[in-house]
Protein backbone atom coordinates (compact mmCIF):
# COMPACT_ATOMS: atom_id res chain seq x y z
CA MET A 1 -31.93 -30.76 -33.10
CA LYS A 2 -32.46 -28.86 -29.53
CA SER A 3 -35.48 -28.88 -28.02
CA ARG A 4 -37.83 -26.23 -26.82
CA GLY A 5 -36.32 -27.51 -23.07
CA GLN A 6 -33.10 -27.44 -24.04
CA LYS A 7 -33.29 -23.92 -26.23
CA SER A 8 -34.50 -22.56 -22.90
CA GLN A 9 -32.16 -23.49 -20.86
CA ALA A 10 -28.88 -22.48 -23.13
CA ARG A 11 -30.94 -18.99 -23.32
CA ASP A 12 -31.34 -19.08 -19.13
CA ILE A 13 -27.26 -19.68 -19.10
CA ALA A 14 -26.74 -17.10 -21.22
CA THR A 15 -28.53 -14.50 -19.64
CA LEU A 16 -26.71 -15.52 -16.16
CA GLU A 17 -23.70 -14.85 -18.06
CA LYS A 18 -24.38 -12.03 -19.00
CA GLU A 19 -26.02 -10.57 -15.57
CA LEU A 20 -22.95 -12.22 -14.44
CA ARG A 21 -20.46 -10.57 -16.34
CA GLN A 22 -22.36 -6.54 -15.47
CA SER A 23 -21.89 -7.63 -12.34
CA LEU A 24 -18.39 -7.89 -12.45
CA THR A 25 -17.99 -5.32 -14.09
CA ASP A 26 -20.25 -3.66 -11.27
CA ILE A 27 -17.63 -4.81 -8.77
CA ALA A 28 -14.92 -4.01 -10.15
CA SER A 29 -15.95 -0.44 -10.79
CA LEU A 30 -16.83 -0.25 -7.15
CA PHE A 31 -13.00 -1.05 -6.39
CA HIS A 32 -11.60 1.44 -8.76
CA LYS A 33 -13.40 4.18 -6.71
CA LEU A 34 -12.53 3.28 -3.50
CA GLY A 35 -9.13 2.69 -4.84
CA GLU A 36 -9.45 6.50 -5.84
CA ASP A 37 -11.20 7.64 -2.71
CA GLN A 38 -8.42 6.28 -0.66
CA GLN A 39 -5.21 7.31 -2.61
CA LYS A 40 -7.14 11.08 -2.45
CA TRP A 41 -6.95 10.19 1.43
CA GLU A 42 -3.99 8.88 1.36
CA ARG A 43 -2.24 11.95 0.09
CA SER A 44 -4.22 14.28 1.78
CA GLU A 45 -3.46 13.31 5.48
CA ILE A 46 0.76 13.57 3.85
CA ASN A 47 -0.07 16.70 2.28
CA TRP A 48 1.02 14.97 -0.93
CA LYS A 49 2.51 17.32 -3.33
CA LYS A 50 3.84 15.90 -6.76
CA GLY A 51 7.09 16.01 -7.88
CA GLU A 52 8.15 18.27 -4.33
CA PRO A 53 10.58 16.28 -2.09
CA PRO A 54 10.18 14.27 -0.40
CA PHE A 55 7.64 12.68 -2.51
CA ASP A 56 9.57 12.24 -5.82
CA ASP A 57 11.88 10.01 -3.26
CA LEU A 58 10.69 6.02 -3.90
CA TYR A 59 11.92 5.43 -0.38
CA PHE A 60 9.77 8.21 1.11
CA TYR A 61 7.13 5.83 -0.14
CA VAL A 62 8.70 2.63 1.22
CA ALA A 63 8.30 4.64 5.00
CA LEU A 64 4.88 5.07 3.76
CA ALA A 65 4.31 1.47 2.85
CA THR A 66 5.87 0.93 6.53
CA VAL A 67 3.16 2.95 8.21
CA TRP A 68 0.19 1.14 6.19
CA GLN A 69 1.54 -1.85 6.57
CA SER A 70 2.62 -1.58 10.50
CA PHE A 71 -0.70 -0.47 12.11
CA SER A 72 -3.88 -2.13 12.55
CA ARG A 73 -5.83 0.69 13.22
CA ARG A 74 -5.90 3.84 10.73
CA LEU A 75 -3.30 6.12 11.68
CA GLU A 76 -4.07 10.05 10.58
CA GLY A 77 -3.46 13.43 10.96
CA GLU A 78 -0.18 14.66 12.01
CA ARG A 79 0.90 11.79 14.29
CA ARG A 80 0.62 10.06 10.76
CA ARG A 81 2.97 12.69 9.06
CA ALA A 82 5.20 12.72 11.99
CA PHE A 83 5.50 8.91 11.57
CA VAL A 84 6.39 8.60 8.41
CA MET A 85 8.66 11.18 8.10
CA GLU A 86 10.58 9.69 11.04
CA VAL A 87 10.34 6.47 9.58
CA TYR A 88 11.37 7.96 5.92
CA ASP A 89 14.77 10.65 7.69
CA THR A 90 16.02 6.95 9.87
CA PHE A 91 15.60 4.75 6.58
CA ARG A 92 17.43 7.26 4.78
CA GLU A 93 20.18 7.77 7.37
CA ALA A 94 20.56 3.64 7.58
CA LEU A 95 20.90 3.77 3.60
CA LYS A 96 23.94 5.81 4.43
CA GLY A 97 25.51 3.43 6.72
CA ARG A 98 24.61 6.04 9.67
CA ARG A 99 21.80 3.82 11.08
CA THR A 100 20.97 0.57 11.61
CA ILE A 101 17.60 -2.13 11.79
CA SER A 102 17.65 -1.58 15.05
CA ASP A 103 16.91 2.41 14.21
CA LEU A 104 14.06 1.80 11.88
CA GLU A 105 12.50 -1.00 15.05
CA ALA A 106 13.05 1.37 17.72
CA VAL A 107 10.60 4.07 15.68
CA LEU A 108 8.20 1.38 15.22
CA ARG A 109 8.76 0.88 19.06
CA ARG A 110 8.05 4.70 19.91
CA HIS A 111 4.93 5.07 17.48
CA ARG A 112 3.83 2.02 18.92
CA SER A 113 3.09 -0.22 16.15
CA SER A 114 0.26 -2.66 16.33
CA ARG A 115 2.04 -4.59 13.89
CA PHE A 116 5.32 -4.17 14.14
CA LYS A 117 7.13 -7.85 13.52
CA VAL A 118 5.47 -6.58 9.67
CA GLY A 119 7.41 -3.25 9.74
CA ALA A 120 10.40 -4.51 11.02
CA ASN A 121 10.61 -7.28 8.36
CA LEU A 122 9.38 -5.03 5.86
CA LEU A 123 12.13 -2.24 6.42
CA GLU A 124 14.66 -4.65 6.31
CA LEU A 125 13.39 -6.23 3.07
CA TRP A 126 13.36 -2.44 1.68
CA LEU A 127 16.91 -2.16 3.29
CA ARG A 128 18.36 -5.13 1.74
CA ILE A 129 17.06 -3.80 -1.72
CA ALA A 130 17.86 -0.78 -1.57
CA ARG A 131 21.46 -1.80 -0.40
CA GLU A 132 21.94 -4.55 -3.22
CA LEU A 133 20.44 -1.66 -5.73
CA SER A 134 23.16 1.36 -4.67
CA SER A 135 25.80 -1.29 -5.05
CA GLY A 136 24.75 -1.89 -8.26
CA GLY A 137 24.92 -5.61 -7.96
């Protein structure tokens, strides 16, 4: 038989577990809301339209991810759109063999990427993946 102290301690633990679960649920809800807000901001920055070119192309999102990963500060407005589109266009040309990773690195340099190596490595990785997928291997 449990003593009064043990019963009280068990209730306290159960209460703490319930409060912890609720706190974690609240945090998850907040992160979800922040993610939705970030998505809305990203879409407004690039004038996103569902199902329309270039937004229906995976490689556009490769370019967008590169821009996002290669800057330590927020890049906004027309400057962001221009950078994303230049990375996207150059990446598409590289897939066709008309450009190289050096051309993609030049785009990052031209736009003064603060985390240049991260962007260059990401583009090189995606270029290899895309070529592998397109060769059927």
